[in-house]
C-alpha atoms as a PDB file:
ATOM      1  CA  MET A   1      73.613  93.813-129.525  1.00  0.00           C
ATOM      2  CA  PHE A   2      70.474  94.335-128.012  1.00  0.00           C
ATOM      3  CA  GLU A   3      72.052  96.916-125.098  1.00  0.00           C
ATOM      4  CA  GLN A   4      73.757  99.048-128.073  1.00  0.00           C
ATOM      5  CA  THR A   5      69.823  99.675-128.932  1.00  0.00           C
ATOM      6  CA  ILE A   6      68.772 101.442-126.200  1.00  0.00           C
ATOM      7  CA  VAL A   7      71.728 103.028-124.687  1.00  0.00           C
ATOM      8  CA  PRO A   8      73.125 105.151-125.390  1.00  0.00           C
ATOM      9  CA  CYS A   9      70.773 107.144-126.370  1.00  0.00           C
ATOM     10  CA  SER A  10      70.441 111.157-126.297  1.00  0.00           C
ATOM     11  CA  LYS A  11      70.670 112.236-122.606  1.00  0.00           C
ATOM     12  CA  HIS A  12      67.076 114.217-123.241  1.00  0.00           C
ATOM     13  CA  LEU A  13      65.335 111.151-123.676  1.00  0.00           C
ATOM     14  CA  ILE A  14      67.056 109.511-120.542  1.00  0.00           C
ATOM     15  CA  ARG A  15      69.463 110.652-118.156  1.00  0.00           C
ATOM     16  CA  GLU A  16      73.112 109.629-118.200  1.00  0.00           C
ATOM     17  CA  GLU A  17      73.379 108.143-114.824  1.00  0.00           C
ATOM     18  CA  LEU A  18      69.795 105.947-115.797  1.00  0.00           C
ATOM     19  CA  GLN A  19      71.369 105.117-118.922  1.00  0.00           C
ATOM     20  CA  ALA A  20      74.222 103.787-117.200  1.00  0.00           C
ATOM     21  CA  ARG A  21      71.964 101.665-114.784  1.00  0.00           C
ATOM     22  CA  ILE A  22      70.150 100.080-117.822  1.00  0.00           C
ATOM     23  CA  GLN A  23      73.293  99.443-119.363  1.00  0.00           C
ATOM     24  CA  SER A  24      74.172  97.654-115.904  1.00  0.00           C
ATOM     25  CA  TYR A  25      71.018  95.982-115.617  1.00  0.00           C
ATOM     26  CA  LEU A  26      71.239  94.714-119.493  1.00  0.00           C
ATOM     27  CA  ASP A  27      75.092  93.288-118.756  1.00  0.00           C
ATOM     28  CA  GLU A  28      73.786  91.671-115.985  1.00  0.00           C
ATOM     29  CA  ALA A  29      70.631  89.917-117.731  1.00  0.00           C
ATOM     30  CA  MET A  30      72.845  88.821-120.201  1.00  0.00           C
ATOM     31  CA  ARG A  31      75.785  87.392-118.220  1.00  0.00           C
ATOM     32  CA  LEU A  32      73.156  85.485-116.396  1.00  0.00           C
ATOM     33  CA  GLN A  33      70.726  84.923-119.199  1.00  0.00           C
ATOM     34  CA  SER A  34      67.724  85.861-116.843  1.00  0.00           C
ATOM     35  CA  LEU A  35      66.076  86.859-120.212  1.00  0.00           C
ATOM     36  CA  SER A  36      65.978  85.053-123.093  1.00  0.00           C
ATOM     37  CA  PHE A  37      66.923  86.272-126.551  1.00  0.00           C
ATOM     38  CA  ASN A  38      63.431  86.090-127.836  1.00  0.00           C
ATOM     39  CA  THR A  39      62.634  88.008-124.984  1.00  0.00           C
ATOM     40  CA  LEU A  40      65.308  90.644-125.426  1.00  0.00           C
ATOM     41  CA  LYS A  41      64.759  90.788-129.426  1.00  0.00           C
ATOM     42  CA  ASN A  42      60.892  91.719-128.326  1.00  0.00           C
ATOM     43  CA  TYR A  43      61.975  94.395-125.755  1.00  0.00           C
ATOM     44  CA  GLN A  44      64.573  96.079-128.377  1.00  0.00           C
ATOM     45  CA  SER A  45      61.499  96.347-130.728  1.00  0.00           C
ATOM     46  CA  SER A  46      59.229  97.905-128.172  1.00  0.00           C
ATOM     47  CA  THR A  47      62.092 100.142-126.803  1.00  0.00           C
ATOM     48  CA  LYS A  48      62.967 101.525-130.174  1.00  0.00           C
ATOM     49  CA  LYS A  49      59.458 102.392-130.961  1.00  0.00           C
ATOM     50  CA  TYR A  50      59.047 104.101-128.020  1.00  0.00           C
ATOM     51  CA  LEU A  51      62.344 106.072-127.885  1.00  0.00           C
ATOM     52  CA  SER A  52      61.674 107.066-131.484  1.00  0.00           C
ATOM     53  CA  TRP A  53      58.091 108.367-130.603  1.00  0.00           C
ATOM     54  CA  CYS A  54      59.308 110.250-127.360  1.00  0.00           C
ATOM     55  CA  LEU A  55      62.193 111.604-129.612  1.00  0.00           C
ATOM     56  CA  ALA A  56      59.676 113.099-132.065  1.00  0.00           C
ATOM     57  CA  ASN A  57      57.438 114.183-129.579  1.00  0.00           C
ATOM     58  CA  HIS A  58      60.458 115.863-127.593  1.00  0.00           C
ATOM     59  CA  LEU A  59      59.346 114.162-124.525  1.00  0.00           C
ATOM     60  CA  VAL A  60      61.551 112.563-121.599  1.00  0.00           C
ATOM     61  CA  ALA A  61      61.167 108.570-121.620  1.00  0.00           C
ATOM     62  CA  VAL A  62      62.723 107.490-118.982  1.00  0.00           C
ATOM     63  CA  PRO A  63      61.296 108.593-116.098  1.00  0.00           C
ATOM     64  CA  ALA A  64      57.777 109.116-117.821  1.00  0.00           C
ATOM     65  CA  ASN A  65      54.739 110.976-116.201  1.00  0.00           C
ATOM     66  CA  THR A  66      51.195 109.941-116.913  1.00  0.00           C
ATOM     67  CA  GLU A  67      50.728 112.413-119.361  1.00  0.00           C
ATOM     68  CA  THR A  68      53.458 110.944-121.510  1.00  0.00           C
ATOM     69  CA  ALA A  69      52.264 107.322-120.943  1.00  0.00           C
ATOM     70  CA  GLU A  70      48.723 108.197-121.870  1.00  0.00           C
ATOM     71  CA  LYS A  71      49.695 109.878-124.538  1.00  0.00           C
ATOM     72  CA  TYR A  72      51.930 106.658-125.916  1.00  0.00           C
ATOM     73  CA  VAL A  73      49.190 104.358-125.476  1.00  0.00           C
ATOM     74  CA  LYS A  74      47.101 106.684-127.463  1.00  0.00           C
ATOM     75  CA  PHE A  75      49.725 106.393-130.038  1.00  0.00           C
ATOM     76  CA  LEU A  76      49.625 102.537-130.000  1.00  0.00           C
ATOM     77  CA  MET A  77      45.909 102.429-130.644  1.00  0.00           C
ATOM     78  CA  ARG A  78      45.764 104.374-133.562  1.00  0.00           C
ATOM     79  CA  GLY A  79      47.473 101.645-135.453  1.00  0.00           C
ATOM     80  CA  SER A  80      46.174  98.525-136.147  1.00  0.00           C
ATOM     81  CA  TRP A  81      47.275  96.687-132.759  1.00  0.00           C
ATOM     82  CA  SER A  82      44.891  94.749-130.344  1.00  0.00           C
ATOM     83  CA  LYS A  83      44.688  94.732-126.842  1.00  0.00           C
ATOM     84  CA  SER A  84      46.922  92.307-126.204  1.00  0.00           C
ATOM     85  CA  SER A  85      49.367  94.093-128.405  1.00  0.00           C
ATOM     86  CA  VAL A  86      49.576  97.240-127.047  1.00  0.00           C
ATOM     87  CA  GLU A  87      49.846  95.733-123.652  1.00  0.00           C
ATOM     88  CA  THR A  88      52.789  93.750-124.845  1.00  0.00           C
ATOM     89  CA  ASN A  89      54.426  96.834-126.345  1.00  0.00           C
ATOM     90  CA  LEU A  90      54.019  98.918-122.902  1.00  0.00           C
ATOM     91  CA  ARG A  91      55.792  96.014-120.701  1.00  0.00           C
ATOM     92  CA  GLY A  92      58.557  95.477-123.433  1.00  0.00           C
ATOM     93  CA  SER A  93      58.819  99.379-123.603  1.00  0.00           C
ATOM     94  CA  LEU A  94      57.806 101.739-120.610  1.00  0.00           C
ATOM     95  CA  VAL A  95      57.465  99.311-118.006  1.00  0.00           C
ATOM     96  CA  PHE A  96      60.725  97.462-118.966  1.00  0.00           C
ATOM     97  CA  LEU A  97      63.236 100.476-119.524  1.00  0.00           C
ATOM     98  CA  HIS A  98      61.927 101.574-115.943  1.00  0.00           C
ATOM     99  CA  GLN A  99      62.503  98.497-114.103  1.00  0.00           C
ATOM    100  CA  ALA A 100      66.078  98.641-115.743  1.00  0.00           C
ATOM    101  CA  ALA A 101      66.577 102.166-114.718  1.00  0.00           C
ATOM    102  CA  GLY A 102      65.805 100.798-110.947  1.00  0.00           C
ATOM    103  CA  ILE A 103      62.795 102.908-110.688  1.00  0.00           C
ATOM    104  CA  ASP A 104      59.607 101.316-109.395  1.00  0.00           C
ATOM    105  CA  TYR A 105      57.041 101.888-111.797  1.00  0.00           C
ATOM    106  CA  SER A 106      53.603 100.471-113.025  1.00  0.00           C
ATOM    107  CA  LEU A 107      50.957 101.911-115.543  1.00  0.00           C
ATOM    108  CA  PRO A 108      48.710 104.711-114.461  1.00  0.00           C
ATOM    109  CA  LYS A 109      45.002 103.942-114.073  1.00  0.00           C
ATOM    110  CA  ILE A 110      44.051 106.384-116.938  1.00  0.00           C
ATOM    111  CA  VAL A 111      46.481 103.762-119.198  1.00  0.00           C
ATOM    112  CA  MET A 112      44.764 101.067-117.975  1.00  0.00           C
ATOM    113  CA  MET A 113      41.384 102.634-118.735  1.00  0.00           C
ATOM    114  CA  ASN A 114      42.075 103.566-122.362  1.00  0.00           C
ATOM    115  CA  ILE A 115      42.965 100.513-122.907  1.00  0.00           C
ATOM    116  CA  ARG A 116      40.089  98.546-121.589  1.00  0.00           C
ATOM    117  CA  GLY A 117      37.827 101.474-123.288  1.00  0.00           C
ATOM    118  CA  GLY A 118      39.627 100.767-126.360  1.00  0.00           C
ATOM    119  CA  THR A 119      38.123  97.402-126.484  1.00  0.00           C
ATOM    120  CA  ARG A 120      34.848  98.530-125.540  1.00  0.00           C
ATOM    121  CA  THR A 121      34.618 100.950-128.742  1.00  0.00           C
ATOM    122  CA  GLY A 122      35.960  98.435-131.327  1.00  0.00           C
ATOM    123  CA  ALA A 123      39.744 101.078-131.280  1.00  0.00           C
ATOM    124  CA  LEU A 124      41.113  97.666-130.283  1.00  0.00           C
ATOM    125  CA  LYS A 125      40.464  94.046-130.768  1.00  0.00           C
ATOM    126  CA  HIS A 126      40.659  91.198-128.196  1.00  0.00           C
ATOM    127  CA  ALA A 127      43.277  88.975-128.877  1.00  0.00           C
ATOM    128  CA  LYS A 128      42.728  86.276-131.310  1.00  0.00           C
ATOM    129  CA  GLN A 129      41.920  83.005-128.960  1.00  0.00           C
ATOM    130  CA  SER A 130      43.423  79.636-130.707  1.00  0.00           C
ATOM    131  CA  ASN A 131      40.271  76.812-130.713  1.00  0.00           C
ATOM    132  CA  PRO A 132      40.803  75.366-126.969  1.00  0.00           C
ATOM    133  CA  ILE A 133      41.175  71.893-126.463  1.00  0.00           C
ATOM    134  CA  VAL A 134      37.700  71.175-125.330  1.00  0.00           C
ATOM    135  CA  TRP A 135      36.580  68.296-122.132  1.00  0.00           C
ATOM    136  CA  ASN A 136      34.633  66.186-124.379  1.00  0.00           C
ATOM    137  CA  ASP A 137      37.917  65.933-126.573  1.00  0.00           C
ATOM    138  CA  ILE A 138      39.923  64.967-123.611  1.00  0.00           C
ATOM    139  CA  GLU A 139      37.534  62.104-122.674  1.00  0.00           C
ATOM    140  CA  ARG A 140      36.591  61.042-126.144  1.00  0.00           C
ATOM    141  CA  PHE A 141      40.604  60.522-126.537  1.00  0.00           C
ATOM    142  CA  ILE A 142      41.123  58.570-123.129  1.00  0.00           C
ATOM    143  CA  GLN A 143      38.118  56.358-124.316  1.00  0.00           C
ATOM    144  CA  GLU A 144      39.947  55.636-127.443  1.00  0.00           C
ATOM    145  CA  VAL A 145      43.689  54.448-126.614  1.00  0.00           C
ATOM    146  CA  ASP A 146      42.776  51.276-124.974  1.00  0.00           C
ATOM    147  CA  TYR A 147      46.240  51.270-123.584  1.00  0.00           C
ATOM    148  CA  PHE A 148      48.740  53.531-121.609  1.00  0.00           C
ATOM    149  CA  ASP A 149      52.371  53.102-120.915  1.00  0.00           C
ATOM    150  CA  TYR A 150      53.128  55.027-117.524  1.00  0.00           C
ATOM    151  CA  SER A 151      54.591  57.938-119.229  1.00  0.00           C
ATOM    152  CA  ASP A 152      51.293  58.386-120.796  1.00  0.00           C
ATOM    153  CA  MET A 153      49.448  58.299-117.821  1.00  0.00           C
ATOM    154  CA  VAL A 154      51.263  60.991-116.119  1.00  0.00           C
ATOM    155  CA  GLY A 155      51.352  63.177-118.907  1.00  0.00           C
ATOM    156  CA  LEU A 156      47.642  63.132-119.383  1.00  0.00           C
ATOM    157  CA  VAL A 157      47.205  63.419-115.687  1.00  0.00           C
ATOM    158  CA  GLY A 158      49.545  67.002-116.322  1.00  0.00           C
ATOM    159  CA  ILE A 159      47.062  67.731-119.064  1.00  0.00           C
ATOM    160  CA  MET A 160      44.070  67.389-117.288  1.00  0.00           C
ATOM    161  CA  VAL A 161      45.435  69.545-114.255  1.00  0.00           C
ATOM    162  CA  ALA A 162      46.690  72.368-116.075  1.00  0.00           C
ATOM    163  CA  TYR A 163      43.234  72.144-118.457  1.00  0.00           C
ATOM    164  CA  ASP A 164      41.192  72.551-115.273  1.00  0.00           C
ATOM    165  CA  SER A 165      42.964  74.654-113.856  1.00  0.00           C
ATOM    166  CA  ALA A 166      44.420  77.343-116.317  1.00  0.00           C
ATOM    167  CA  CYS A 167      47.762  77.317-114.933  1.00  0.00           C
ATOM    168  CA  ARG A 168      51.084  76.511-116.645  1.00  0.00           C
ATOM    169  CA  ILE A 169      52.804  73.256-116.710  1.00  0.00           C
ATOM    170  CA  GLU A 170      56.042  74.511-114.909  1.00  0.00           C
ATOM    171  CA  GLU A 171      53.485  75.257-112.067  1.00  0.00           C
ATOM    172  CA  ALA A 172      51.864  71.950-112.349  1.00  0.00           C
ATOM    173  CA  LEU A 173      54.954  70.231-111.938  1.00  0.00           C
ATOM    174  CA  SER A 174      55.973  72.208-108.837  1.00  0.00           C
ATOM    175  CA  LEU A 175      53.079  71.384-107.021  1.00  0.00           C
ATOM    176  CA  ARG A 176      53.297  68.951-104.249  1.00  0.00           C
ATOM    177  CA  LEU A 177      50.504  66.344-102.825  1.00  0.00           C
ATOM    178  CA  ASP A 178      50.235  69.049 -99.749  1.00  0.00           C
ATOM    179  CA  ASP A 179      49.394  71.859-101.503  1.00  0.00           C
ATOM    180  CA  MET A 180      46.003  70.271-102.931  1.00  0.00           C
ATOM    181  CA  GLU A 181      43.343  70.031-100.359  1.00  0.00           C
ATOM    182  CA  ILE A 182      39.882  68.198-100.627  1.00  0.00           C
ATOM    183  CA  GLN A 183      37.012  69.359 -99.953  1.00  0.00           C
ATOM    184  CA  ASP A 184      33.727  68.110 -98.894  1.00  0.00           C
ATOM    185  CA  ASP A 185      32.218  68.259-102.276  1.00  0.00           C
ATOM    186  CA  GLY A 186      34.635  65.988-103.837  1.00  0.00           C
ATOM    187  CA  SER A 187      36.296  68.954-105.738  1.00  0.00           C
ATOM    188  CA  SER A 188      40.040  70.258-104.547  1.00  0.00           C
ATOM    189  CA  ILE A 189      41.926  73.277-104.268  1.00  0.00           C
ATOM    190  CA  ILE A 190      45.491  73.969-105.062  1.00  0.00           C
ATOM    191  CA  LYS A 191      47.533  77.412-104.738  1.00  0.00           C
ATOM    192  CA  LEU A 192      49.172  77.969-107.650  1.00  0.00           C
ATOM    193  CA  ALA A 193      52.111  80.844-107.838  1.00  0.00           C
ATOM    194  CA  LYS A 194      50.564  84.257-109.914  1.00  0.00           C
ATOM    195  CA  SER A 195      53.928  84.062-112.403  1.00  0.00           C
ATOM    196  CA  LYS A 196      56.925  82.644-113.406  1.00  0.00           C
ATOM    197  CA  GLN A 197      58.784  85.018-111.410  1.00  0.00           C
ATOM    198  CA  ASP A 198      56.702  84.072-107.755  1.00  0.00           C
ATOM    199  CA  GLN A 199      59.123  81.584-106.349  1.00  0.00           C
ATOM    200  CA  ASN A 200      57.894  82.373-102.613  1.00  0.00           C
ATOM    201  CA  ARG A 201      54.582  80.264-103.498  1.00  0.00           C
ATOM    202  CA  VAL A 202      52.713  83.259-102.301  1.00  0.00           C
ATOM    203  CA  GLY A 203      49.991  82.885-105.312  1.00  0.00           C
ATOM    204  CA  THR A 204      46.590  82.072-105.969  1.00  0.00           C
ATOM    205  CA  ILE A 205      43.595  79.492-105.183  1.00  0.00           C
ATOM    206  CA  LYS A 206      42.375  77.639-108.145  1.00  0.00           C
ATOM    207  CA  TYR A 207      39.713  75.181-107.885  1.00  0.00           C
ATOM    208  CA  LEU A 208      40.198  71.372-109.182  1.00  0.00           C
ATOM    209  CA  SER A 209      36.819  69.637-110.449  1.00  0.00           C
ATOM    210  CA  LYS A 210      35.383  66.402-108.788  1.00  0.00           C
ATOM    211  CA  THR A 211      36.375  64.783-112.191  1.00  0.00           C
ATOM    212  CA  THR A 212      40.268  66.215-112.119  1.00  0.00           C
ATOM    213  CA  THR A 213      40.358  65.253-108.666  1.00  0.00           C
ATOM    214  CA  GLY A 214      39.333  61.710-108.971  1.00  0.00           C
ATOM    215  CA  HIS A 215      42.021  61.433-111.720  1.00  0.00           C
ATOM    216  CA  VAL A 216      44.845  62.366-110.000  1.00  0.00           C
ATOM    217  CA  ILE A 217      43.604  60.219-107.036  1.00  0.00           C
ATOM    218  CA  ARG A 218      43.111  57.120-109.057  1.00  0.00           C
ATOM    219  CA  PHE A 219      46.463  57.563-110.964  1.00  0.00           C
ATOM    220  CA  HIS A 220      48.224  57.732-107.293  1.00  0.00           C
ATOM    221  CA  GLN A 221      46.186  54.749-106.131  1.00  0.00           C
ATOM    222  CA  THR A 222      46.469  52.955-109.486  1.00  0.00           C
ATOM    223  CA  PHE A 223      50.214  52.973-109.330  1.00  0.00           C
ATOM    224  CA  GLY A 224      51.170  53.458-106.103  1.00  0.00           C
ATOM    225  CA  LEU A 225      52.866  56.817-105.773  1.00  0.00           C
ATOM    226  CA  ARG A 226      54.260  57.773-102.675  1.00  0.00           C
ATOM    227  CA  GLY A 227      56.530  60.468-103.731  1.00  0.00           C
ATOM    228  CA  PRO A 228      55.431  64.045-102.568  1.00  0.00           C
ATOM    229  CA  TRP A 229      54.832  65.469-105.857  1.00  0.00           C
ATOM    230  CA  LEU A 230      51.434  65.906-107.311  1.00  0.00           C
ATOM    231  CA  ILE A 231      52.651  65.704-110.663  1.00  0.00           C
ATOM    232  CA  CYS A 232      55.734  63.019-110.798  1.00  0.00           C
ATOM    233  CA  LYS A 233      59.100  64.737-111.403  1.00  0.00           C
ATOM    234  CA  GLN A 234      61.004  62.987-114.187  1.00  0.00           C
ATOM    235  CA  SER A 235      63.562  60.271-112.932  1.00  0.00           C
ATOM    236  CA  GLU A 236      66.705  58.059-114.132  1.00  0.00           C
ATOM    237  CA  LYS A 237      64.784  55.249-112.768  1.00  0.00           C
ATOM    238  CA  TYR A 238      61.582  55.618-114.872  1.00  0.00           C
ATOM    239  CA  ASN A 239      59.964  52.297-114.670  1.00  0.00           C
ATOM    240  CA  LYS A 240      63.076  50.825-113.908  1.00  0.00           C
ATOM    241  CA  GLU A 241      63.541  48.477-110.527  1.00  0.00           C
ATOM    242  CA  GLY A 242      59.520  49.220-109.409  1.00  0.00           C
ATOM    243  CA  ALA A 243      60.464  52.990-109.377  1.00  0.00           C
ATOM    244  CA  ASN A 244      57.404  55.309-108.138  1.00  0.00           C
ATOM    245  CA  ASP A 245      58.508  58.217-109.192  1.00  0.00           C
ATOM    246  CA  PHE A 246      57.718  58.073-112.863  1.00  0.00           C
ATOM    247  CA  GLY A 247      58.816  60.259-115.350  1.00  0.00           C
ATOM    248  CA  PHE A 248      56.448  63.423-116.682  1.00  0.00           C
ATOM    249  CA  THR A 249      56.811  63.933-120.335  1.00  0.00           C
ATOM    250  CA  TYR A 250      54.671  65.055-123.637  1.00  0.00           C
ATOM    251  CA  GLN A 251      55.801  62.426-125.545  1.00  0.00           C
ATOM    252  CA  GLY A 252      52.901  59.709-125.441  1.00  0.00           C
ATOM    253  CA  TRP A 253      50.463  62.372-125.051  1.00  0.00           C
ATOM    254  CA  CYS A 254      51.922  64.141-128.572  1.00  0.00           C
ATOM    255  CA  TYR A 255      51.911  60.693-130.337  1.00  0.00           C
ATOM    256  CA  HIS A 256      48.596  59.457-129.496  1.00  0.00           C
ATOM    257  CA  PHE A 257      46.862  63.062-129.555  1.00  0.00           C
ATOM    258  CA  GLU A 258      48.059  63.980-133.280  1.00  0.00           C
ATOM    259  CA  ARG A 259      46.401  60.607-134.289  1.00  0.00           C
ATOM    260  CA  PHE A 260      43.373  61.355-132.803  1.00  0.00           C
ATOM    261  CA  ALA A 261      43.390  65.277-133.723  1.00  0.00           C
ATOM    262  CA  LEU A 262      43.564  63.900-137.820  1.00  0.00           C
ATOM    263  CA  LYS A 263      41.083  61.291-137.164  1.00  0.00           C
ATOM    264  CA  HIS A 264      38.992  63.798-136.018  1.00  0.00           C
ATOM    265  CA  ASN A 265      39.559  66.584-137.968  1.00  0.00           C
ATOM    266  CA  ILE A 266      40.415  69.055-134.889  1.00  0.00           C
ATOM    267  CA  PRO A 267      41.267  72.204-136.458  1.00  0.00           C
ATOM    268  CA  SER A 268      45.331  72.526-136.536  1.00  0.00           C
ATOM    269  CA  ASP A 269      45.395  75.401-134.224  1.00  0.00           C
ATOM    270  CA  THR A 270      43.729  73.722-131.420  1.00  0.00           C
ATOM    271  CA  THR A 271      45.968  73.752-128.430  1.00  0.00           C
ATOM    272  CA  THR A 272      45.635  74.371-124.855  1.00  0.00           C
ATOM    273  CA  HIS A 273      47.190  77.506-122.445  1.00  0.00           C
ATOM    274  CA  ALA A 274      49.824  75.521-120.936  1.00  0.00           C
ATOM    275  CA  MET A 275      50.331  73.616-124.180  1.00  0.00           C
ATOM    276  CA  ARG A 276      51.503  77.198-125.434  1.00  0.00           C
ATOM    277  CA  ILE A 277      53.991  78.335-122.617  1.00  0.00           C
ATOM    278  CA  GLY A 278      57.534  77.859-122.296  1.00  0.00           C
ATOM    279  CA  PHE A 279      59.187  76.830-125.508  1.00  0.00           C
ATOM    280  CA  ALA A 280      56.303  77.446-127.582  1.00  0.00           C
ATOM    281  CA  ASN A 281      57.505  81.201-128.709  1.00  0.00           C
ATOM    282  CA  ASP A 282      61.114  79.515-129.327  1.00  0.00           C
ATOM    283  CA  ALA A 283      60.011  76.864-131.515  1.00  0.00           C
ATOM    284  CA  ARG A 284      58.166  79.369-133.276  1.00  0.00           C
ATOM    285  CA  ALA A 285      61.237  81.133-133.917  1.00  0.00           C
ATOM    286  CA  ASP A 286      63.402  77.915-134.799  1.00  0.00           C
ATOM    287  CA  GLU A 287      65.478  79.031-131.905  1.00  0.00           C
ATOM    288  CA  SER A 288      67.957  76.542-130.708  1.00  0.00           C
ATOM    289  CA  ILE A 289      67.526  75.634-126.748  1.00  0.00           C
ATOM    290  CA  SER A 290      70.077  73.875-124.317  1.00  0.00           C
ATOM    291  CA  ASP A 291      68.823  70.924-122.202  1.00  0.00           C
ATOM    292  CA  VAL A 292      70.486  73.655-119.324  1.00  0.00           C
ATOM    293  CA  ASP A 293      67.731  76.178-120.990  1.00  0.00           C
ATOM    294  CA  ALA A 294      65.158  72.819-120.806  1.00  0.00           C
ATOM    295  CA  ALA A 295      65.572  72.008-117.132  1.00  0.00           C
ATOM    296  CA  SER A 296      65.372  75.488-115.947  1.00  0.00           C
ATOM    297  CA  TYR A 297      62.146  75.818-117.959  1.00  0.00           C
ATOM    298  CA  ILE A 298      60.260  72.801-116.637  1.00  0.00           C
ATOM    299  CA  GLY A 299      62.536  70.282-115.125  1.00  0.00           C
ATOM    300  CA  TRP A 300      62.456  68.457-119.020  1.00  0.00           C
ATOM    301  CA  GLN A 301      66.339  66.811-119.186  1.00  0.00           C
ATOM    302  CA  GLY A 302      67.699  65.760-122.529  1.00  0.00           C
ATOM    303  CA  ASN A 303      66.935  66.827-125.754  1.00  0.00           C
ATOM    304  CA  SER A 304      63.861  64.239-126.708  1.00  0.00           C
ATOM    305  CA  ALA A 305      61.166  65.312-124.763  1.00  0.00           C
ATOM    306  CA  LEU A 306      62.135  68.874-126.013  1.00  0.00           C
ATOM    307  CA  GLU A 307      62.446  68.193-129.727  1.00  0.00           C
ATOM    308  CA  ARG A 308      59.159  66.252-129.629  1.00  0.00           C
ATOM    309  CA  TYR A 309      57.236  69.049-127.801  1.00  0.00           C
ATOM    310  CA  ARG A 310      58.932  71.509-130.449  1.00  0.00           C
ATOM    311  CA  TYR A 311      57.788  69.402-133.238  1.00  0.00           C
ATOM    312  CA  TYR A 312      54.584  69.412-131.258  1.00  0.00           C
ATOM    313  CA  THR A 313      53.560  73.223-131.067  1.00  0.00           C
ATOM    314  CA  ARG A 314      55.131  73.797-135.037  1.00  0.00           C
ATOM    315  CA  LYS A 315      52.584  71.083-135.830  1.00  0.00           C
ATOM    316  CA  MET A 316      49.578  72.218-134.086  1.00  0.00           C
ATOM    317  CA  GLY A 317      50.366  75.652-135.069  1.00  0.00           C
ATOM    318  CA  CYS A 318      50.906  76.972-131.541  1.00  0.00           C
END
């Protein structure tokens, strides 16, 4: 099991009372499933590397002082690591272990300066970016598909919002109409959560272009949407009995965009930030995901949309 690979360990690395806290934290996380299996697996790899390094260098792992953190990041940078890999390893080792032990901890400024300095000197590589879907691609796509059912249109509006604001799809789904404020110049602002854990809507302001704002407004006017959501939630009454809360799904979008990408030779690694979030890692690892997990991520219900998304992420190389 994951927790057994971290604790118990040498009390010279982590004091016994802190090990007990870590054990309790892991037990609770696994009981509540607040950490996914893939996340635990990644943390396992990062923490084992960090603890082995501390043991070899006769250093205390938790609580770690600034000197230990600085030495460890320099050790990581000596390998063939990218900037994102170093940051991910630090979050999954130093930051995670301190959090699990109940210690308020953030990476020292000197550590972050070392990472930034590494990218300037070439010691670290910038994260590899896949080719983004540019707005021209979306416009051409819209022009070429001569019909949409409601689910296709909702999906397209969702992609537009996510593309323009560089936000996660689950954030876009949580937005309400009163979260969007129209500006005098025809653009708008929306308030997005900073992270998945930010549930109090204390977030950052993102700006939507006039084009995206216009698409959202026209969509709501065309289909007479009277619900509170900027992007409509999935509904059992989708497209039945004149329901006005049409479902949000990628099925129509994926089907048409797949054909569009093949026709125009769009590279196979083309993706957007929003499409990589959520189930991308799980799809890559081919892990099974329950309906409950799906609903907790972004409100999808049932396997159809989920399986279609997993197929899409594998197909497009996300």
